[in-house]
């Protein structure tokens, strides 16, 4: 993830980095898929605001999900969960200075 761009783009990249770090750190089963959905939702909000590139966000989310151990038994699990969260987030753009939405906004 880049440190270039506008202040808002750097802010959004930091959020994505944090979301991915938290997800990747989840090594134990239970809650990882929900956490991926929430991370994808939040990333989708930032994509909708024009602050993140969707393909880049999805790539980082996929890598973090794999690091957490998701997708081992069902490889399409990651893709489906990211699509669900991203779609919900795209419907609710987030701007710098607004509080994150606590609800996931869509089922995985």
PDB file of N, CA and C in Angstrom:
ATOM      1  N   UNK A   1       0.853  -1.179   0.000  1.00  0.00           N
ATOM      2  CA  UNK A   1       0.000   0.000   0.000  1.00  0.00           C
ATOM      3  C   UNK A   1       0.893   1.235   0.000  1.00  0.00           C
ATOM      4  N   UNK A   2       0.462   2.213  -0.696  1.00  0.00           N
ATOM      5  CA  UNK A   2       1.288   3.394  -0.911  1.00  0.00           C
ATOM      6  C   UNK A   2       1.147   4.426   0.198  1.00  0.00           C
ATOM      7  N   UNK A   3       2.166   5.228   0.351  1.00  0.00           N
ATOM      8  CA  UNK A   3       2.125   6.348   1.275  1.00  0.00           C
ATOM      9  C   UNK A   3       1.960   7.643   0.487  1.00  0.00           C
ATOM     10  N   UNK A   4       1.724   7.526  -0.795  1.00  0.00           N
ATOM     11  CA  UNK A   4       1.523   8.697  -1.643  1.00  0.00           C
ATOM     12  C   UNK A   4       0.036   8.995  -1.748  1.00  0.00           C
ATOM     13  N   UNK A   5      -0.280  10.081  -2.436  1.00  0.00           N
ATOM     14  CA  UNK A   5      -1.674  10.452  -2.634  1.00  0.00           C
ATOM     15  C   UNK A   5      -2.066  11.591  -1.712  1.00  0.00           C
ATOM     16  N   UNK A   6      -3.329  11.906  -1.755  1.00  0.00           N
ATOM     17  CA  UNK A   6      -3.854  12.979  -0.925  1.00  0.00           C
ATOM     18  C   UNK A   6      -3.898  12.538   0.535  1.00  0.00           C
ATOM     19  N   UNK A   7      -4.126  13.486   1.395  1.00  0.00           N
ATOM     20  CA  UNK A   7      -4.257  13.182   2.822  1.00  0.00           C
ATOM     21  C   UNK A   7      -5.371  12.153   3.040  1.00  0.00           C
ATOM     22  N   UNK A   8      -6.483  12.333   2.345  1.00  0.00           N
ATOM     23  CA  UNK A   8      -7.617  11.419   2.477  1.00  0.00           C
ATOM     24  C   UNK A   8      -7.268  10.024   1.963  1.00  0.00           C
ATOM     25  N   UNK A   9      -6.517   9.956   0.862  1.00  0.00           N
ATOM     26  CA  UNK A   9      -6.130   8.653   0.326  1.00  0.00           C
ATOM     27  C   UNK A   9      -5.164   7.930   1.272  1.00  0.00           C
ATOM     28  N   UNK A  10      -4.264   8.667   1.889  1.00  0.00           N
ATOM     29  CA  UNK A  10      -3.345   8.069   2.864  1.00  0.00           C
ATOM     30  C   UNK A  10      -4.126   7.581   4.089  1.00  0.00           C
ATOM     31  N   UNK A  11      -5.100   8.368   4.511  1.00  0.00           N
ATOM     32  CA  UNK A  11      -5.971   7.979   5.626  1.00  0.00           C
ATOM     33  C   UNK A  11      -6.688   6.673   5.291  1.00  0.00           C
ATOM     34  N   UNK A  12      -7.268   6.593   4.094  1.00  0.00           N
ATOM     35  CA  UNK A  12      -7.993   5.395   3.665  1.00  0.00           C
ATOM     36  C   UNK A  12      -7.058   4.194   3.566  1.00  0.00           C
ATOM     37  N   UNK A  13      -5.848   4.401   3.044  1.00  0.00           N
ATOM     38  CA  UNK A  13      -4.875   3.313   2.944  1.00  0.00           C
ATOM     39  C   UNK A  13      -4.493   2.814   4.341  1.00  0.00           C
ATOM     40  N   UNK A  14      -4.405   3.717   5.293  1.00  0.00           N
ATOM     41  CA  UNK A  14      -4.112   3.333   6.670  1.00  0.00           C
ATOM     42  C   UNK A  14      -5.217   2.488   7.277  1.00  0.00           C
ATOM     43  N   UNK A  15      -6.449   2.834   6.976  1.00  0.00           N
ATOM     44  CA  UNK A  15      -7.581   2.046   7.464  1.00  0.00           C
ATOM     45  C   UNK A  15      -7.534   0.643   6.857  1.00  0.00           C
ATOM     46  N   UNK A  16      -7.303   0.570   5.554  1.00  0.00           N
ATOM     47  CA  UNK A  16      -7.223  -0.738   4.901  1.00  0.00           C
ATOM     48  C   UNK A  16      -6.087  -1.557   5.500  1.00  0.00           C
ATOM     49  N   UNK A  17      -4.945  -0.955   5.706  1.00  0.00           N
ATOM     50  CA  UNK A  17      -3.790  -1.642   6.289  1.00  0.00           C
ATOM     51  C   UNK A  17      -4.143  -2.189   7.675  1.00  0.00           C
ATOM     52  N   UNK A  18      -4.807  -1.379   8.492  1.00  0.00           N
ATOM     53  CA  UNK A  18      -5.209  -1.788   9.834  1.00  0.00           C
ATOM     54  C   UNK A  18      -6.204  -2.946   9.789  1.00  0.00           C
ATOM     55  N   UNK A  19      -7.184  -2.835   8.911  1.00  0.00           N
ATOM     56  CA  UNK A  19      -8.188  -3.897   8.759  1.00  0.00           C
ATOM     57  C   UNK A  19      -7.507  -5.214   8.359  1.00  0.00           C
ATOM     58  N   UNK A  20      -6.586  -5.134   7.411  1.00  0.00           N
ATOM     59  CA  UNK A  20      -5.893  -6.336   6.939  1.00  0.00           C
ATOM     60  C   UNK A  20      -4.989  -6.919   8.018  1.00  0.00           C
ATOM     61  N   UNK A  21      -4.305  -6.060   8.767  1.00  0.00           N
ATOM     62  CA  UNK A  21      -3.441  -6.537   9.851  1.00  0.00           C
ATOM     63  C   UNK A  21      -4.249  -7.266  10.910  1.00  0.00           C
ATOM     64  N   UNK A  22      -5.382  -6.701  11.288  1.00  0.00           N
ATOM     65  CA  UNK A  22      -6.233  -7.331  12.303  1.00  0.00           C
ATOM     66  C   UNK A  22      -6.756  -8.676  11.819  1.00  0.00           C
ATOM     67  N   UNK A  23      -7.188  -8.735  10.569  1.00  0.00           N
ATOM     68  CA  UNK A  23      -7.702  -9.980  10.010  1.00  0.00           C
ATOM     69  C   UNK A  23      -6.596 -11.031   9.936  1.00  0.00           C
ATOM     70  N   UNK A  24      -5.447 -10.656   9.415  1.00  0.00           N
ATOM     71  CA  UNK A  24      -4.340 -11.607   9.258  1.00  0.00           C
ATOM     72  C   UNK A  24      -3.889 -12.178  10.602  1.00  0.00           C
ATOM     73  N   UNK A  25      -4.057 -11.430  11.668  1.00  0.00           N
ATOM     74  CA  UNK A  25      -3.641 -11.874  12.998  1.00  0.00           C
ATOM     75  C   UNK A  25      -4.600 -12.898  13.608  1.00  0.00           C
ATOM     76  N   UNK A  26      -5.767 -13.074  13.013  1.00  0.00           N
ATOM     77  CA  UNK A  26      -6.767 -14.018  13.541  1.00  0.00           C
ATOM     78  C   UNK A  26      -6.440 -15.431  13.062  1.00  0.00           C
ATOM     79  N   UNK A  27      -5.729 -16.177  13.873  1.00  0.00           N
ATOM     80  CA  UNK A  27      -5.296 -17.526  13.475  1.00  0.00           C
ATOM     81  C   UNK A  27      -6.260 -18.625  13.929  1.00  0.00           C
ATOM     82  N   UNK A  28      -7.068 -18.346  14.935  1.00  0.00           N
ATOM     83  CA  UNK A  28      -7.981 -19.353  15.464  1.00  0.00           C
ATOM     84  C   UNK A  28      -9.312 -19.325  14.715  1.00  0.00           C
ATOM     85  N   UNK A  29      -9.885 -20.507  14.456  1.00  0.00           N
ATOM     86  CA  UNK A  29     -11.211 -20.546  13.817  1.00  0.00           C
ATOM     87  C   UNK A  29     -12.248 -19.821  14.667  1.00  0.00           C
ATOM     88  N   UNK A  30     -13.239 -19.305  14.016  1.00  0.00           N
ATOM     89  CA  UNK A  30     -14.309 -18.606  14.724  1.00  0.00           C
ATOM     90  C   UNK A  30     -14.195 -17.114  14.570  1.00  0.00           C
ATOM     91  N   UNK A  31     -15.079 -16.546  13.797  1.00  0.00           N
ATOM     92  CA  UNK A  31     -15.139 -15.107  13.649  1.00  0.00           C
ATOM     93  C   UNK A  31     -14.328 -14.533  12.498  1.00  0.00           C
ATOM     94  N   UNK A  32     -13.466 -15.346  11.888  1.00  0.00           N
ATOM     95  CA  UNK A  32     -12.615 -14.816  10.823  1.00  0.00           C
ATOM     96  C   UNK A  32     -13.424 -14.399   9.597  1.00  0.00           C
ATOM     97  N   UNK A  33     -14.407 -15.190   9.209  1.00  0.00           N
ATOM     98  CA  UNK A  33     -15.201 -14.853   8.036  1.00  0.00           C
ATOM     99  C   UNK A  33     -16.013 -13.580   8.284  1.00  0.00           C
ATOM    100  N   UNK A  34     -16.573 -13.455   9.480  1.00  0.00           N
ATOM    101  CA  UNK A  34     -17.298 -12.225   9.826  1.00  0.00           C
ATOM    102  C   UNK A  34     -16.364 -11.024   9.830  1.00  0.00           C
ATOM    103  N   UNK A  35     -15.143 -11.220  10.307  1.00  0.00           N
ATOM    104  CA  UNK A  35     -14.163 -10.126  10.339  1.00  0.00           C
ATOM    105  C   UNK A  35     -13.771  -9.714   8.923  1.00  0.00           C
ATOM    106  N   UNK A  36     -13.636 -10.700   8.023  1.00  0.00           N
ATOM    107  CA  UNK A  36     -13.351 -10.405   6.615  1.00  0.00           C
ATOM    108  C   UNK A  36     -14.497  -9.614   6.006  1.00  0.00           C
ATOM    109  N   UNK A  37     -15.718 -10.008   6.307  1.00  0.00           N
ATOM    110  CA  UNK A  37     -16.886  -9.303   5.778  1.00  0.00           C
ATOM    111  C   UNK A  37     -16.898  -7.848   6.244  1.00  0.00           C
ATOM    112  N   UNK A  38     -16.601  -7.636   7.521  1.00  0.00           N
ATOM    113  CA  UNK A  38     -16.566  -6.280   8.062  1.00  0.00           C
ATOM    114  C   UNK A  38     -15.445  -5.465   7.407  1.00  0.00           C
ATOM    115  N   UNK A  39     -14.277  -6.058   7.254  1.00  0.00           N
ATOM    116  CA  UNK A  39     -13.153  -5.360   6.612  1.00  0.00           C
ATOM    117  C   UNK A  39     -13.492  -5.000   5.170  1.00  0.00           C
ATOM    118  N   UNK A  40     -14.131  -5.919   4.458  1.00  0.00           N
ATOM    119  CA  UNK A  40     -14.526  -5.655   3.065  1.00  0.00           C
ATOM    120  C   UNK A  40     -15.589  -4.558   3.005  1.00  0.00           C
ATOM    121  N   UNK A  41     -16.497  -4.572   3.966  1.00  0.00           N
ATOM    122  CA  UNK A  41     -17.524  -3.527   4.036  1.00  0.00           C
ATOM    123  C   UNK A  41     -16.875  -2.150   4.214  1.00  0.00           C
ATOM    124  N   UNK A  42     -15.960  -2.060   5.168  1.00  0.00           N
ATOM    125  CA  UNK A  42     -15.293  -0.782   5.426  1.00  0.00           C
ATOM    126  C   UNK A  42     -14.450  -0.349   4.229  1.00  0.00           C
ATOM    127  N   UNK A  43     -13.781  -1.295   3.583  1.00  0.00           N
ATOM    128  CA  UNK A  43     -13.009  -0.968   2.384  1.00  0.00           C
ATOM    129  C   UNK A  43     -13.945  -0.498   1.270  1.00  0.00           C
ATOM    130  N   UNK A  44     -15.089  -1.147   1.142  1.00  0.00           N
ATOM    131  CA  UNK A  44     -16.066  -0.749   0.127  1.00  0.00           C
ATOM    132  C   UNK A  44     -16.552   0.674   0.323  1.00  0.00           C
ATOM    133  N   UNK A  45     -16.716   1.069   1.569  1.00  0.00           N
ATOM    134  CA  UNK A  45     -17.117   2.452   1.850  1.00  0.00           C
ATOM    135  C   UNK A  45     -16.071   3.434   1.337  1.00  0.00           C
ATOM    136  N   UNK A  46     -14.806   3.084   1.494  1.00  0.00           N
ATOM    137  CA  UNK A  46     -13.716   3.959   1.067  1.00  0.00           C
ATOM    138  C   UNK A  46     -13.543   3.934  -0.452  1.00  0.00           C
ATOM    139  N   UNK A  47     -13.809   2.788  -1.069  1.00  0.00           N
ATOM    140  CA  UNK A  47     -13.810   2.701  -2.537  1.00  0.00           C
ATOM    141  C   UNK A  47     -14.914   3.603  -3.082  1.00  0.00           C
ATOM    142  N   UNK A  48     -16.089   3.529  -2.478  1.00  0.00           N
ATOM    143  CA  UNK A  48     -17.231   4.334  -2.928  1.00  0.00           C
ATOM    144  C   UNK A  48     -16.962   5.827  -2.804  1.00  0.00           C
ATOM    145  N   UNK A  49     -16.138   6.196  -1.828  1.00  0.00           N
ATOM    146  CA  UNK A  49     -15.789   7.601  -1.629  1.00  0.00           C
ATOM    147  C   UNK A  49     -14.669   8.044  -2.576  1.00  0.00           C
ATOM    148  N   UNK A  50     -14.142   7.105  -3.370  1.00  0.00           N
ATOM    149  CA  UNK A  50     -13.082   7.433  -4.311  1.00  0.00           C
ATOM    150  C   UNK A  50     -11.706   7.497  -3.680  1.00  0.00           C
ATOM    151  N   UNK A  51     -11.544   6.891  -2.503  1.00  0.00           N
ATOM    152  CA  UNK A  51     -10.286   6.987  -1.773  1.00  0.00           C
ATOM    153  C   UNK A  51      -9.405   5.743  -1.893  1.00  0.00           C
ATOM    154  N   UNK A  52      -9.970   4.638  -2.343  1.00  0.00           N
ATOM    155  CA  UNK A  52      -9.223   3.398  -2.544  1.00  0.00           C
ATOM    156  C   UNK A  52      -9.586   2.806  -3.892  1.00  0.00           C
ATOM    157  N   UNK A  53      -8.663   2.101  -4.487  1.00  0.00           N
ATOM    158  CA  UNK A  53      -8.922   1.340  -5.705  1.00  0.00           C
ATOM    159  C   UNK A  53      -9.508  -0.011  -5.291  1.00  0.00           C
ATOM    160  N   UNK A  54     -10.622  -0.388  -5.870  1.00  0.00           N
ATOM    161  CA  UNK A  54     -11.313  -1.608  -5.463  1.00  0.00           C
ATOM    162  C   UNK A  54     -10.452  -2.853  -5.669  1.00  0.00           C
ATOM    163  N   UNK A  55      -9.788  -2.969  -6.806  1.00  0.00           N
ATOM    164  CA  UNK A  55      -8.975  -4.159  -7.074  1.00  0.00           C
ATOM    165  C   UNK A  55      -7.829  -4.279  -6.076  1.00  0.00           C
ATOM    166  N   UNK A  56      -7.207  -3.169  -5.741  1.00  0.00           N
ATOM    167  CA  UNK A  56      -6.107  -3.176  -4.770  1.00  0.00           C
ATOM    168  C   UNK A  56      -6.635  -3.582  -3.397  1.00  0.00           C
ATOM    169  N   UNK A  57      -7.763  -3.004  -2.996  1.00  0.00           N
ATOM    170  CA  UNK A  57      -8.355  -3.351  -1.700  1.00  0.00           C
ATOM    171  C   UNK A  57      -8.690  -4.834  -1.637  1.00  0.00           C
ATOM    172  N   UNK A  58      -9.288  -5.357  -2.691  1.00  0.00           N
ATOM    173  CA  UNK A  58      -9.659  -6.769  -2.713  1.00  0.00           C
ATOM    174  C   UNK A  58      -8.426  -7.672  -2.662  1.00  0.00           C
ATOM    175  N   UNK A  59      -7.359  -7.257  -3.320  1.00  0.00           N
ATOM    176  CA  UNK A  59      -6.118  -8.032  -3.299  1.00  0.00           C
ATOM    177  C   UNK A  59      -5.541  -8.098  -1.882  1.00  0.00           C
ATOM    178  N   UNK A  60      -5.502  -6.958  -1.203  1.00  0.00           N
ATOM    179  CA  UNK A  60      -4.973  -6.934   0.165  1.00  0.00           C
ATOM    180  C   UNK A  60      -5.874  -7.713   1.119  1.00  0.00           C
ATOM    181  N   UNK A  61      -7.173  -7.601   0.954  1.00  0.00           N
ATOM    182  CA  UNK A  61      -8.100  -8.353   1.800  1.00  0.00           C
ATOM    183  C   UNK A  61      -7.946  -9.855   1.579  1.00  0.00           C
ATOM    184  N   UNK A  62      -7.777 -10.255   0.335  1.00  0.00           N
ATOM    185  CA  UNK A  62      -7.586 -11.677   0.022  1.00  0.00           C
ATOM    186  C   UNK A  62      -6.324 -12.207   0.678  1.00  0.00           C
ATOM    187  N   UNK A  63      -5.233 -11.459   0.576  1.00  0.00           N
ATOM    188  CA  UNK A  63      -3.969 -11.877   1.194  1.00  0.00           C
ATOM    189  C   UNK A  63      -4.109 -11.991   2.712  1.00  0.00           C
ATOM    190  N   UNK A  64      -4.794 -11.037   3.330  1.00  0.00           N
ATOM    191  CA  UNK A  64      -4.987 -11.074   4.782  1.00  0.00           C
ATOM    192  C   UNK A  64      -5.860 -12.259   5.184  1.00  0.00           C
ATOM    193  N   UNK A  65      -6.901 -12.537   4.406  1.00  0.00           N
ATOM    194  CA  UNK A  65      -7.777 -13.670   4.697  1.00  0.00           C
ATOM    195  C   UNK A  65      -7.014 -14.987   4.588  1.00  0.00           C
ATOM    196  N   UNK A  66      -6.170 -15.102   3.588  1.00  0.00           N
ATOM    197  CA  UNK A  66      -5.360 -16.312   3.436  1.00  0.00           C
ATOM    198  C   UNK A  66      -4.378 -16.445   4.591  1.00  0.00           C
ATOM    199  N   UNK A  67      -3.793 -15.340   5.026  1.00  0.00           N
ATOM    200  CA  UNK A  67      -2.868 -15.366   6.157  1.00  0.00           C
ATOM    201  C   UNK A  67      -3.573 -15.805   7.437  1.00  0.00           C
ATOM    202  N   UNK A  68      -4.869 -15.489   7.547  1.00  0.00           N
ATOM    203  CA  UNK A  68      -5.656 -15.888   8.716  1.00  0.00           C
ATOM    204  C   UNK A  68      -6.110 -17.345   8.631  1.00  0.00           C
ATOM    205  N   UNK A  69      -5.918 -17.960   7.464  1.00  0.00           N
ATOM    206  CA  UNK A  69      -6.287 -19.364   7.313  1.00  0.00           C
ATOM    207  C   UNK A  69      -7.628 -19.587   6.648  1.00  0.00           C
ATOM    208  N   UNK A  70      -8.244 -18.536   6.147  1.00  0.00           N
ATOM    209  CA  UNK A  70      -9.515 -18.701   5.446  1.00  0.00           C
ATOM    210  C   UNK A  70      -9.274 -19.262   4.048  1.00  0.00           C
ATOM    211  N   UNK A  71     -10.278 -19.943   3.521  1.00  0.00           N
ATOM    212  CA  UNK A  71     -10.224 -20.422   2.149  1.00  0.00           C
ATOM    213  C   UNK A  71      -9.524 -21.743   1.950  1.00  0.00           C
ATOM    214  N   UNK A  72      -9.044 -22.353   3.029  1.00  0.00           N
ATOM    215  CA  UNK A  72      -8.323 -23.617   2.905  1.00  0.00           C
ATOM    216  C   UNK A  72      -9.257 -24.726   2.423  1.00  0.00           C
ATOM    217  N   UNK A  73     -10.405 -24.861   3.062  1.00  0.00           N
ATOM    218  CA  UNK A  73     -11.359 -25.910   2.703  1.00  0.00           C
ATOM    219  C   UNK A  73     -12.268 -25.495   1.555  1.00  0.00           C
ATOM    220  N   UNK A  74     -12.618 -24.234   1.508  1.00  0.00           N
ATOM    221  CA  UNK A  74     -13.509 -23.722   0.457  1.00  0.00           C
ATOM    222  C   UNK A  74     -12.864 -22.478  -0.162  1.00  0.00           C
ATOM    223  N   UNK A  75     -12.075 -22.659  -1.227  1.00  0.00           N
ATOM    224  CA  UNK A  75     -11.330 -21.551  -1.822  1.00  0.00           C
ATOM    225  C   UNK A  75     -12.179 -20.346  -2.235  1.00  0.00           C
ATOM    226  N   UNK A  76     -13.413 -20.560  -2.628  1.00  0.00           N
ATOM    227  CA  UNK A  76     -14.261 -19.437  -3.067  1.00  0.00           C
ATOM    228  C   UNK A  76     -14.858 -18.669  -1.885  1.00  0.00           C
ATOM    229  N   UNK A  77     -14.676 -19.195  -0.684  1.00  0.00           N
ATOM    230  CA  UNK A  77     -15.204 -18.553   0.519  1.00  0.00           C
ATOM    231  C   UNK A  77     -14.721 -17.105   0.622  1.00  0.00           C
ATOM    232  N   UNK A  78     -13.448 -16.892   0.404  1.00  0.00           N
ATOM    233  CA  UNK A  78     -12.874 -15.548   0.519  1.00  0.00           C
ATOM    234  C   UNK A  78     -13.499 -14.617  -0.506  1.00  0.00           C
ATOM    235  N   UNK A  79     -13.535 -15.045  -1.752  1.00  0.00           N
ATOM    236  CA  UNK A  79     -14.086 -14.210  -2.824  1.00  0.00           C
ATOM    237  C   UNK A  79     -15.547 -13.842  -2.555  1.00  0.00           C
ATOM    238  N   UNK A  80     -16.333 -14.813  -2.141  1.00  0.00           N
ATOM    239  CA  UNK A  80     -17.752 -14.554  -1.872  1.00  0.00           C
ATOM    240  C   UNK A  80     -17.943 -13.591  -0.711  1.00  0.00           C
ATOM    241  N   UNK A  81     -17.149 -13.758   0.335  1.00  0.00           N
ATOM    242  CA  UNK A  81     -17.271 -12.887   1.505  1.00  0.00           C
ATOM    243  C   UNK A  81     -16.831 -11.470   1.171  1.00  0.00           C
ATOM    244  N   UNK A  82     -15.738 -11.334   0.442  1.00  0.00           N
ATOM    245  CA  UNK A  82     -15.292  -9.998   0.051  1.00  0.00           C
ATOM    246  C   UNK A  82     -16.340  -9.327  -0.824  1.00  0.00           C
ATOM    247  N   UNK A  83     -16.889 -10.051  -1.772  1.00  0.00           N
ATOM    248  CA  UNK A  83     -17.913  -9.479  -2.651  1.00  0.00           C
ATOM    249  C   UNK A  83     -19.127  -9.000  -1.846  1.00  0.00           C
ATOM    250  N   UNK A  84     -19.549  -9.789  -0.877  1.00  0.00           N
ATOM    251  CA  UNK A  84     -20.700  -9.426  -0.051  1.00  0.00           C
ATOM    252  C   UNK A  84     -20.441  -8.145   0.739  1.00  0.00           C
ATOM    253  N   UNK A  85     -19.329  -8.108   1.457  1.00  0.00           N
ATOM    254  CA  UNK A  85     -19.002  -6.934   2.263  1.00  0.00           C
ATOM    255  C   UNK A  85     -18.735  -5.709   1.408  1.00  0.00           C
ATOM    256  N   UNK A  86     -18.010  -5.889   0.310  1.00  0.00           N
ATOM    257  CA  UNK A  86     -17.668  -4.776  -0.575  1.00  0.00           C
ATOM    258  C   UNK A  86     -18.939  -4.170  -1.181  1.00  0.00           C
ATOM    259  N   UNK A  87     -19.839  -5.014  -1.626  1.00  0.00           N
ATOM    260  CA  UNK A  87     -21.091  -4.528  -2.230  1.00  0.00           C
ATOM    261  C   UNK A  87     -21.886  -3.696  -1.229  1.00  0.00           C
ATOM    262  N   UNK A  88     -21.984  -4.175  -0.002  1.00  0.00           N
ATOM    263  CA  UNK A  88     -22.701  -3.428   1.035  1.00  0.00           C
ATOM    264  C   UNK A  88     -22.005  -2.098   1.328  1.00  0.00           C
ATOM    265  N   UNK A  89     -20.687  -2.110   1.404  1.00  0.00           N
ATOM    266  CA  UNK A  89     -19.939  -0.890   1.682  1.00  0.00           C
ATOM    267  C   UNK A  89     -20.017   0.125   0.558  1.00  0.00           C
ATOM    268  N   UNK A  90     -20.048  -0.349  -0.680  1.00  0.00           N
ATOM    269  CA  UNK A  90     -20.148   0.552  -1.827  1.00  0.00           C
ATOM    270  C   UNK A  90     -21.432   1.382  -1.787  1.00  0.00           C
ATOM    271  N   UNK A  91     -22.446   0.855  -1.132  1.00  0.00           N
ATOM    272  CA  UNK A  91     -23.727   1.568  -1.031  1.00  0.00           C
ATOM    273  C   UNK A  91     -23.704   2.663   0.034  1.00  0.00           C
ATOM    274  N   UNK A  92     -22.639   2.700   0.854  1.00  0.00           N
ATOM    275  CA  UNK A  92     -22.557   3.682   1.948  1.00  0.00           C
ATOM    276  C   UNK A  92     -21.174   4.316   1.999  1.00  0.00           C
ATOM    277  N   UNK A  93     -20.864   5.238   1.094  1.00  0.00           N
ATOM    278  CA  UNK A  93     -19.537   5.862   1.080  1.00  0.00           C
ATOM    279  C   UNK A  93     -19.184   6.479   2.428  1.00  0.00           C
ATOM    280  N   UNK A  94     -17.906   6.396   2.773  1.00  0.00           N
ATOM    281  CA  UNK A  94     -17.412   6.959   4.030  1.00  0.00           C
ATOM    282  C   UNK A  94     -16.396   8.049   3.716  1.00  0.00           C
ATOM    283  N   UNK A  95     -16.513   9.145   4.387  1.00  0.00           N
ATOM    284  CA  UNK A  95     -15.592  10.270   4.211  1.00  0.00           C
ATOM    285  C   UNK A  95     -14.715  10.413   5.444  1.00  0.00           C
ATOM    286  N   UNK A  96     -13.580  11.038   5.261  1.00  0.00           N
ATOM    287  CA  UNK A  96     -12.667  11.290   6.363  1.00  0.00           C
ATOM    288  C   UNK A  96     -13.390  12.091   7.438  1.00  0.00           C
ATOM    289  N   UNK A  97     -13.199  11.682   8.685  1.00  0.00           N
ATOM    290  CA  UNK A  97     -13.828  12.391   9.790  1.00  0.00           C
ATOM    291  C   UNK A  97     -15.171  11.826  10.199  1.00  0.00           C
ATOM    292  N   UNK A  98     -15.679  10.844   9.454  1.00  0.00           N
ATOM    293  CA  UNK A  98     -16.937  10.227   9.851  1.00  0.00           C
ATOM    294  C   UNK A  98     -16.636   8.938  10.597  1.00  0.00           C
ATOM    295  N   UNK A  99     -17.432   8.654  11.575  1.00  0.00           N
ATOM    296  CA  UNK A  99     -17.229   7.453  12.383  1.00  0.00           C
ATOM    297  C   UNK A  99     -17.549   6.207  11.562  1.00  0.00           C
ATOM    298  N   UNK A 100     -16.825   5.104  11.797  1.00  0.00           N
ATOM    299  CA  UNK A 100     -17.138   3.878  11.078  1.00  0.00           C
ATOM    300  C   UNK A 100     -18.491   3.331  11.494  1.00  0.00           C
ATOM    301  N   UNK A 101     -19.161   2.708  10.560  1.00  0.00           N
ATOM    302  CA  UNK A 101     -20.443   2.089  10.837  1.00  0.00           C
ATOM    303  C   UNK A 101     -20.178   0.771  11.545  1.00  0.00           C
ATOM    304  N   UNK A 102     -20.872   0.516  12.616  1.00  0.00           N
ATOM    305  CA  UNK A 102     -20.621  -0.686  13.415  1.00  0.00           C
ATOM    306  C   UNK A 102     -21.249  -1.941  12.808  1.00  0.00           C
ATOM    307  N   UNK A 103     -22.292  -1.784  12.023  1.00  0.00           N
ATOM    308  CA  UNK A 103     -22.945  -2.938  11.424  1.00  0.00           C
ATOM    309  C   UNK A 103     -22.179  -3.378  10.186  1.00  0.00           C
ATOM    310  N   UNK A 104     -22.258  -4.660   9.889  1.00  0.00           N
ATOM    311  CA  UNK A 104     -21.538  -5.177   8.727  1.00  0.00           C
ATOM    312  C   UNK A 104     -22.249  -4.815   7.439  1.00  0.00           C
ATOM    313  N   UNK A 105     -23.540  -4.659   7.448  1.00  0.00           N
ATOM    314  CA  UNK A 105     -24.235  -4.229   6.244  1.00  0.00           C
ATOM    315  C   UNK A 105     -24.564  -5.314   5.258  1.00  0.00           C
ATOM    316  N   UNK A 106     -24.238  -6.549   5.512  1.00  0.00           N
ATOM    317  CA  UNK A 106     -24.587  -7.614   4.580  1.00  0.00           C
ATOM    318  C   UNK A 106     -24.046  -8.942   5.066  1.00  0.00           C
ATOM    319  N   UNK A 107     -24.768  -9.960   4.790  1.00  0.00           N
ATOM    320  CA  UNK A 107     -24.345 -11.298   5.203  1.00  0.00           C
ATOM    321  C   UNK A 107     -23.306 -11.840   4.225  1.00  0.00           C
ATOM    322  N   UNK A 108     -22.471 -12.665   4.750  1.00  0.00           N
ATOM    323  CA  UNK A 108     -21.419 -13.274   3.900  1.00  0.00           C
ATOM    324  C   UNK A 108     -21.992 -14.436   3.127  1.00  0.00           C
TER     325      UNK A 108
END
